[in-house]
Amino acid sequence: MTMTSTTTRPSGLIAIEAEMARQHADALASFERATPLAHDIATSLKRTGRLLLLGMGGSHAVSRAVEPLYRNLGIDALALPLSEQLGQPLTVSDRTVLMTSQSGESAEVLRWFGEASAQTDVFGLTLEGGSSLARLAPSLIGAGGTEHAFAATRSLTVTFALHLAVLSALGMDAAPALAVLKQPQDPNIEIALQAMAKVATIVTSGRRLQGVAEAIALGLTELSRLPCFSLEGGQLRHGPMEMLGENVGVVLFRANDETSALVAGMATSAQEAGSPVVVFDASGEKPVPNVVTISLAAASGMAAIFAILPVAQRFMVSFAAGRVADVGTPIRSTKITRSE
């Protein structure tokens, strides 16, 4: 393992930490200023009853995380990668479309608007008010401007706050989530890092929090340059458990909801298969025996997302910093993906 020197900290790591340090304040500001357009989006959703969430990379992971929250409110929500929508289009008539792009300039976004017929129920979510997306569709604009660090951290939290504004306009109680943003938790993650010190890859997994698992797996891969990936809990059960063992770490995400027992069961099974297991746990239930648990206050829905995500981000960044000397400096990617 290559440890990052404390005296020569890479510029990419410094940039990531700067983004993370202000993500809660930017998220709160984003929620407040999103209210007017969020009500327009809610009006559209009440009329159509169906939502198509489109995005790429971390933006798609956010969409996957909020799918169940919209469904809880009676909205038929579906998240698709924008690239899939371009190649295998689902009809957008009589649907509200939320297009998410942190930069508002991704190649797929520009192509979609270039090819799509005019629609009245298409809205954007972006961090860049001067972007093509903001120009082409009424858009919720996250506070704090463009995220420059690689990979996504602040942009995820801010985008979740924009969704919180829409969900609130639809009738969801935003108070628990806002309370978490105002008083973030800061548990020690050293034990989780120690558990994963010798693994060659990490598999993340969740149930209701699968979108969060996917966001963290993406960041782990981008920053550590290891083939980390994510599988929804049921999908992990159906065959892929053959890969588990001492070199394959498993990171699970657990909230105070009806899927908590399923996540606990997976933690036990993965531990019995010989994998190091870490659970980021906002269930409020007893920790799973013989696995590493990072405990947070009991929370569900968006409150659980806001509680767990920043802590898991710290784990993600620290894990990668222990593996890559120039962590945060991409060698094959760019912050804005301009080609398909």
Protein backbone atom coordinates (compact mmCIF):
# COMPACT_ATOMS: atom_id res chain seq x y z
CA MET A 1 0.00 0.00 0.00
CA THR A 2 1.31 3.44 -0.92
CA MET A 3 0.62 5.91 1.86
CA THR A 4 0.14 9.56 0.98
CA SER A 5 2.71 11.77 2.69
CA THR A 6 1.31 14.33 5.10
CA THR A 7 3.96 16.82 3.97
CA THR A 8 3.37 16.47 0.23
CA ARG A 9 -0.37 16.14 0.03
CA PRO A 10 -1.51 15.96 -3.60
CA SER A 11 -3.38 18.93 -5.03
CA GLY A 12 -6.24 16.68 -6.10
CA LEU A 13 -6.81 15.54 -2.52
CA ILE A 14 -6.70 19.11 -1.25
CA ALA A 15 -9.31 20.07 -3.85
CA ILE A 16 -11.62 17.21 -2.85
CA GLU A 17 -11.39 18.10 0.82
CA ALA A 18 -12.18 21.73 0.04
CA GLU A 19 -15.34 20.68 -1.82
CA MET A 20 -16.42 18.38 1.00
CA ALA A 21 -15.84 21.02 3.66
CA ARG A 22 -18.55 23.27 2.24
CA GLN A 23 -21.03 20.71 0.95
CA HIS A 24 -23.47 20.97 3.86
CA ALA A 25 -23.70 24.76 3.68
CA ASP A 26 -24.10 24.66 -0.11
CA ALA A 27 -26.76 21.98 0.17
CA LEU A 28 -28.80 24.07 2.61
CA ALA A 29 -28.50 27.12 0.36
CA SER A 30 -29.48 25.02 -2.65
CA PHE A 31 -32.62 23.79 -0.94
CA GLU A 32 -33.71 27.31 -0.02
CA ARG A 33 -33.24 28.85 -3.43
CA ALA A 34 -34.76 25.91 -5.32
CA THR A 35 -38.23 26.42 -3.85
CA PRO A 36 -39.96 28.38 -6.68
CA LEU A 37 -38.98 26.03 -9.53
CA ALA A 38 -39.35 22.99 -7.29
CA HIS A 39 -43.05 23.85 -6.99
CA ASP A 40 -43.32 24.02 -10.79
CA ILE A 41 -41.70 20.59 -11.07
CA ALA A 42 -44.03 19.22 -8.39
CA THR A 43 -47.01 20.59 -10.33
CA SER A 44 -45.78 18.77 -13.42
CA LEU A 45 -45.31 15.54 -11.48
CA LYS A 46 -48.77 15.74 -9.97
CA ARG A 47 -50.18 16.12 -13.46
CA THR A 48 -48.17 13.36 -15.18
CA GLY A 49 -47.73 10.99 -12.26
CA ARG A 50 -44.60 9.61 -13.95
CA LEU A 51 -40.97 10.61 -13.65
CA LEU A 52 -37.98 9.76 -15.80
CA LEU A 53 -34.64 10.58 -14.19
CA LEU A 54 -31.75 10.85 -16.64
CA GLY A 55 -28.05 11.34 -15.94
CA MET A 56 -24.58 9.84 -16.18
CA GLY A 57 -22.00 8.77 -13.59
CA GLY A 58 -22.59 10.31 -10.18
CA SER A 59 -25.69 12.07 -11.47
CA HIS A 60 -27.25 8.72 -12.30
CA ALA A 61 -26.32 7.39 -8.86
CA VAL A 62 -28.21 10.31 -7.30
CA SER A 63 -31.21 9.47 -9.45
CA ARG A 64 -31.07 5.85 -8.33
CA ALA A 65 -31.01 6.98 -4.71
CA VAL A 66 -34.08 9.20 -5.01
CA GLU A 67 -36.18 6.77 -7.08
CA PRO A 68 -37.75 5.15 -3.99
CA LEU A 69 -38.41 8.53 -2.40
CA TYR A 70 -40.53 9.66 -5.34
CA ARG A 71 -42.25 6.28 -5.47
CA ASN A 72 -43.18 6.65 -1.80
CA LEU A 73 -45.12 9.75 -2.80
CA GLY A 74 -47.08 7.94 -5.50
CA ILE A 75 -44.88 8.96 -8.45
CA ASP A 76 -44.00 6.23 -10.96
CA ALA A 77 -40.27 7.04 -10.98
CA LEU A 78 -37.62 5.41 -13.12
CA ALA A 79 -33.91 6.28 -13.32
CA LEU A 80 -32.01 5.45 -16.51
CA PRO A 81 -28.49 6.26 -17.66
CA LEU A 82 -28.82 8.96 -20.29
CA SER A 83 -26.66 6.92 -22.66
CA GLU A 84 -29.21 4.09 -22.44
CA GLN A 85 -32.06 6.49 -23.13
CA LEU A 86 -30.23 7.71 -26.23
CA GLY A 87 -29.66 4.19 -27.57
CA GLN A 88 -32.83 2.47 -26.34
CA PRO A 89 -35.29 5.32 -25.81
CA LEU A 90 -38.22 5.08 -23.48
CA THR A 91 -41.11 7.30 -24.48
CA VAL A 92 -41.08 10.62 -22.68
CA SER A 93 -44.59 11.66 -23.62
CA ASP A 94 -46.78 12.16 -20.57
CA ARG A 95 -43.73 11.95 -18.30
CA THR A 96 -41.90 14.56 -16.31
CA VAL A 97 -38.19 14.38 -17.14
CA LEU A 98 -35.46 15.46 -14.73
CA MET A 99 -32.12 15.72 -16.50
CA THR A 100 -29.14 15.87 -14.11
CA SER A 101 -25.65 16.98 -15.07
CA GLN A 102 -23.24 18.59 -12.63
CA SER A 103 -21.56 20.59 -15.40
CA GLY A 104 -24.55 20.83 -17.69
CA GLU A 105 -22.16 20.15 -20.58
CA SER A 106 -21.83 16.36 -20.81
CA ALA A 107 -21.78 14.99 -24.34
CA GLU A 108 -24.93 12.95 -23.79
CA VAL A 109 -26.86 15.95 -22.48
CA LEU A 110 -26.02 18.03 -25.52
CA ARG A 111 -26.90 15.19 -27.88
CA TRP A 112 -30.22 14.49 -26.15
CA PHE A 113 -31.40 18.07 -26.46
CA GLY A 114 -30.16 18.15 -30.04
CA GLU A 115 -32.21 15.09 -30.98
CA ALA A 116 -35.27 15.27 -28.70
CA SER A 117 -38.48 16.87 -29.85
CA ALA A 118 -39.74 19.81 -27.85
CA GLN A 119 -41.18 18.80 -24.47
CA THR A 120 -42.99 20.91 -21.91
CA ASP A 121 -42.16 18.77 -18.86
CA VAL A 122 -38.36 18.62 -19.04
CA PHE A 123 -36.34 20.17 -16.22
CA GLY A 124 -32.65 20.24 -15.37
CA LEU A 125 -30.57 19.91 -12.23
CA THR A 126 -27.05 21.32 -12.44
CA LEU A 127 -24.38 23.19 -10.52
CA GLU A 128 -23.63 25.54 -13.36
CA GLY A 129 -26.15 28.31 -14.02
CA GLY A 130 -24.44 29.31 -17.27
CA SER A 131 -24.40 25.81 -18.73
CA SER A 132 -26.09 24.46 -21.84
CA LEU A 133 -28.49 22.45 -19.68
CA ALA A 134 -29.57 25.55 -17.77
CA ARG A 135 -30.12 27.33 -21.08
CA LEU A 136 -32.06 24.51 -22.71
CA ALA A 137 -34.44 23.64 -19.86
CA PRO A 138 -35.79 25.31 -16.70
CA SER A 139 -33.21 24.15 -14.17
CA LEU A 140 -32.62 23.90 -10.47
CA ILE A 141 -29.16 25.39 -9.87
CA GLY A 142 -27.05 24.13 -7.00
CA ALA A 143 -25.30 26.67 -4.81
CA GLY A 144 -21.54 27.05 -4.85
CA GLY A 145 -20.93 26.76 -8.57
CA THR A 146 -19.10 24.10 -10.51
CA GLU A 147 -17.36 21.30 -8.65
CA HIS A 148 -13.76 21.18 -9.89
CA ALA A 149 -12.35 18.30 -7.83
CA PHE A 150 -12.31 14.74 -9.13
CA ALA A 151 -14.39 12.74 -8.12
CA ALA A 152 -17.90 13.85 -7.18
CA THR A 153 -18.51 14.72 -3.52
CA ARG A 154 -20.12 18.14 -2.94
CA SER A 155 -22.04 17.90 -6.19
CA LEU A 156 -23.82 14.78 -4.97
CA THR A 157 -24.91 16.35 -1.69
CA VAL A 158 -26.05 19.53 -3.43
CA THR A 159 -28.02 17.59 -6.03
CA PHE A 160 -29.74 15.61 -3.30
CA ALA A 161 -30.74 18.94 -1.73
CA LEU A 162 -32.30 20.04 -5.01
CA HIS A 163 -34.33 16.82 -5.06
CA LEU A 164 -35.29 17.45 -1.44
CA ALA A 165 -36.86 20.74 -2.53
CA VAL A 166 -38.98 18.92 -5.13
CA LEU A 167 -39.92 16.15 -2.72
CA SER A 168 -40.88 18.76 -0.13
CA ALA A 169 -43.09 20.50 -2.69
CA LEU A 170 -44.77 17.14 -3.28
CA GLY A 171 -45.56 16.83 0.42
CA MET A 172 -42.60 15.06 2.00
CA ASP A 173 -41.50 16.39 5.39
CA ALA A 174 -38.06 17.90 4.75
CA ALA A 175 -37.33 18.69 8.40
CA PRO A 176 -35.45 15.46 9.32
CA ALA A 177 -33.15 15.77 6.31
CA LEU A 178 -32.49 19.47 6.92
CA ALA A 179 -31.69 18.74 10.56
CA VAL A 180 -28.99 16.27 9.48
CA LEU A 181 -27.50 18.85 7.11
CA LYS A 182 -27.39 21.43 9.88
CA GLN A 183 -25.73 19.07 12.36
CA PRO A 184 -23.66 16.54 10.42
CA GLN A 185 -22.26 13.53 12.25
CA ASP A 186 -18.54 12.79 12.26
CA PRO A 187 -17.87 9.22 13.43
CA ASN A 188 -14.35 7.81 13.41
CA ILE A 189 -13.79 5.72 10.27
CA GLU A 190 -10.32 4.40 11.07
CA ILE A 191 -11.62 0.93 11.93
CA ALA A 192 -13.29 0.74 8.50
CA LEU A 193 -10.05 1.69 6.76
CA GLN A 194 -8.16 -0.93 8.74
CA ALA A 195 -10.70 -3.57 7.75
CA MET A 196 -10.12 -2.82 4.07
CA ALA A 197 -6.35 -2.37 4.27
CA LYS A 198 -5.48 -5.54 2.33
CA VAL A 199 -8.34 -5.94 -0.13
CA ALA A 200 -7.84 -5.84 -3.89
CA THR A 201 -11.35 -4.60 -4.61
CA ILE A 202 -14.47 -3.38 -2.85
CA VAL A 203 -18.06 -4.25 -3.65
CA THR A 204 -20.65 -1.85 -2.30
CA SER A 205 -24.27 -2.82 -1.82
CA GLY A 206 -27.54 -1.63 -0.39
CA ARG A 207 -31.27 -2.00 -0.68
CA ARG A 208 -33.16 1.28 -0.32
CA LEU A 209 -29.76 3.01 -0.25
CA GLN A 210 -28.43 1.30 -3.39
CA GLY A 211 -27.99 4.64 -5.14
CA VAL A 212 -25.65 5.76 -2.38
CA ALA A 213 -23.75 2.48 -2.72
CA GLU A 214 -23.35 3.12 -6.44
CA ALA A 215 -22.09 6.66 -5.89
CA ILE A 216 -19.43 5.47 -3.43
CA ALA A 217 -18.35 2.59 -5.68
CA LEU A 218 -17.88 5.02 -8.55
CA GLY A 219 -15.77 7.33 -6.40
CA LEU A 220 -13.71 4.43 -5.06
CA THR A 221 -12.92 3.32 -8.59
CA GLU A 222 -12.11 6.80 -9.86
CA LEU A 223 -9.84 7.67 -6.95
CA SER A 224 -8.19 4.34 -6.03
CA ARG A 225 -7.96 3.08 -9.65
CA LEU A 226 -9.08 -0.32 -8.40
CA PRO A 227 -12.04 -2.14 -10.00
CA CYS A 228 -14.58 -1.35 -7.28
CA PHE A 229 -18.23 -1.75 -8.21
CA SER A 230 -21.74 -1.97 -6.81
CA LEU A 231 -24.47 -4.61 -6.78
CA GLU A 232 -27.96 -4.20 -5.33
CA GLY A 233 -28.37 -6.55 -2.38
CA GLY A 234 -30.65 -9.02 -4.10
CA GLN A 235 -28.44 -9.09 -7.18
CA LEU A 236 -25.40 -9.78 -5.02
CA ARG A 237 -27.23 -12.81 -3.61
CA HIS A 238 -27.93 -14.30 -7.03
CA GLY A 239 -24.54 -15.74 -7.95
CA PRO A 240 -21.89 -13.03 -7.49
CA MET A 241 -21.22 -14.14 -3.92
CA GLU A 242 -18.87 -16.68 -5.50
CA MET A 243 -16.29 -13.89 -5.73
CA LEU A 244 -16.22 -13.19 -1.99
CA GLY A 245 -13.16 -13.88 0.11
CA GLU A 246 -10.39 -12.17 2.02
CA ASN A 247 -9.29 -10.03 -0.96
CA VAL A 248 -12.80 -8.73 -1.71
CA GLY A 249 -14.12 -6.13 0.70
CA VAL A 250 -17.86 -5.58 1.09
CA VAL A 251 -19.26 -2.18 2.12
CA LEU A 252 -22.96 -2.07 2.97
CA PHE A 253 -25.42 0.77 3.56
CA ARG A 254 -28.25 0.35 6.05
CA ALA A 255 -31.03 2.73 7.04
CA ASN A 256 -34.03 2.64 9.35
CA ASP A 257 -36.43 1.09 6.87
CA GLU A 258 -38.06 -2.22 5.98
CA THR A 259 -34.96 -3.48 4.15
CA SER A 260 -32.67 -3.21 7.19
CA ALA A 261 -32.87 -6.91 8.02
CA LEU A 262 -31.91 -7.83 4.46
CA VAL A 263 -28.78 -5.68 4.67
CA ALA A 264 -27.91 -7.26 8.02
CA GLY A 265 -28.34 -10.71 6.51
CA MET A 266 -25.99 -9.85 3.67
CA ALA A 267 -23.40 -8.56 6.14
CA THR A 268 -23.48 -11.90 7.96
CA SER A 269 -23.27 -13.92 4.74
CA ALA A 270 -20.37 -11.88 3.38
CA GLN A 271 -18.47 -12.19 6.67
CA GLU A 272 -19.03 -15.94 6.69
CA ALA A 273 -17.66 -16.08 3.13
CA GLY A 274 -14.41 -14.59 4.40
CA SER A 275 -14.75 -11.01 3.15
CA PRO A 276 -13.95 -8.02 5.34
CA VAL A 277 -17.28 -6.24 5.86
CA VAL A 278 -18.07 -2.63 6.76
CA VAL A 279 -21.61 -1.40 7.39
CA PHE A 280 -22.49 2.28 7.35
CA ASP A 281 -25.47 1.97 9.61
CA ALA A 282 -28.28 4.45 10.24
CA SER A 283 -30.80 1.75 11.14
CA GLY A 284 -30.81 2.40 14.88
CA GLU A 285 -30.63 -1.36 15.39
CA LYS A 286 -27.92 -3.44 17.04
CA PRO A 287 -24.73 -3.82 14.97
CA VAL A 288 -24.32 -7.03 13.03
CA PRO A 289 -21.94 -9.34 14.95
CA ASN A 290 -18.39 -9.84 13.66
CA VAL A 291 -18.44 -7.02 11.12
CA VAL A 292 -17.21 -3.44 11.32
CA THR A 293 -20.05 -1.00 11.91
CA ILE A 294 -19.89 2.76 11.50
CA SER A 295 -22.93 3.75 13.54
CA LEU A 296 -24.99 6.87 12.92
CA ALA A 297 -28.23 8.10 14.44
CA ALA A 298 -31.30 6.29 13.20
CA ALA A 299 -32.61 7.82 9.98
CA SER A 300 -34.52 6.89 6.86
CA GLY A 301 -35.05 8.31 3.40
CA MET A 302 -33.26 11.54 2.57
CA ALA A 303 -32.16 12.01 6.18
CA ALA A 304 -30.32 8.68 5.99
CA ILE A 305 -28.70 9.71 2.70
CA PHE A 306 -27.44 12.98 4.17
CA ALA A 307 -26.23 11.20 7.31
CA ILE A 308 -24.33 8.41 5.57
CA LEU A 309 -23.05 9.99 2.35
CA PRO A 310 -20.45 12.43 3.78
CA VAL A 311 -19.09 9.79 6.15
CA ALA A 312 -18.82 7.25 3.35
CA GLN A 313 -17.13 9.90 1.21
CA ARG A 314 -14.45 10.34 3.86
CA PHE A 315 -13.90 6.59 3.83
CA MET A 316 -13.77 6.59 0.02
CA VAL A 317 -11.20 9.38 -0.14
CA SER A 318 -9.04 8.02 2.68
CA PHE A 319 -9.06 4.51 1.24
CA ALA A 320 -7.91 5.85 -2.12
CA ALA A 321 -5.29 8.11 -0.56
CA GLY A 322 -3.71 5.01 0.96
CA ARG A 323 -3.43 3.41 -2.48
CA VAL A 324 -2.61 6.23 -4.90
CA ALA A 325 0.16 8.79 -4.44
CA ASP A 326 -1.50 11.42 -6.65
CA VAL A 327 -5.04 10.70 -5.52
CA GLY A 328 -7.59 13.01 -7.09
CA THR A 329 -5.61 13.50 -10.30
CA PRO A 330 -7.31 11.62 -13.15
CA ILE A 331 -5.08 10.01 -15.76
CA ARG A 332 -7.67 8.68 -18.21
CA SER A 333 -10.74 10.78 -17.48
CA THR A 334 -11.82 14.39 -17.37
CA LYS A 335 -14.17 16.12 -14.96
CA ILE A 336 -16.55 16.92 -17.83
CA THR A 337 -16.98 14.00 -20.21
CA ARG A 338 -17.31 15.58 -23.64
CA SER A 339 -17.29 12.43 -25.79
CA GLU A 340 -19.46 9.35 -25.96
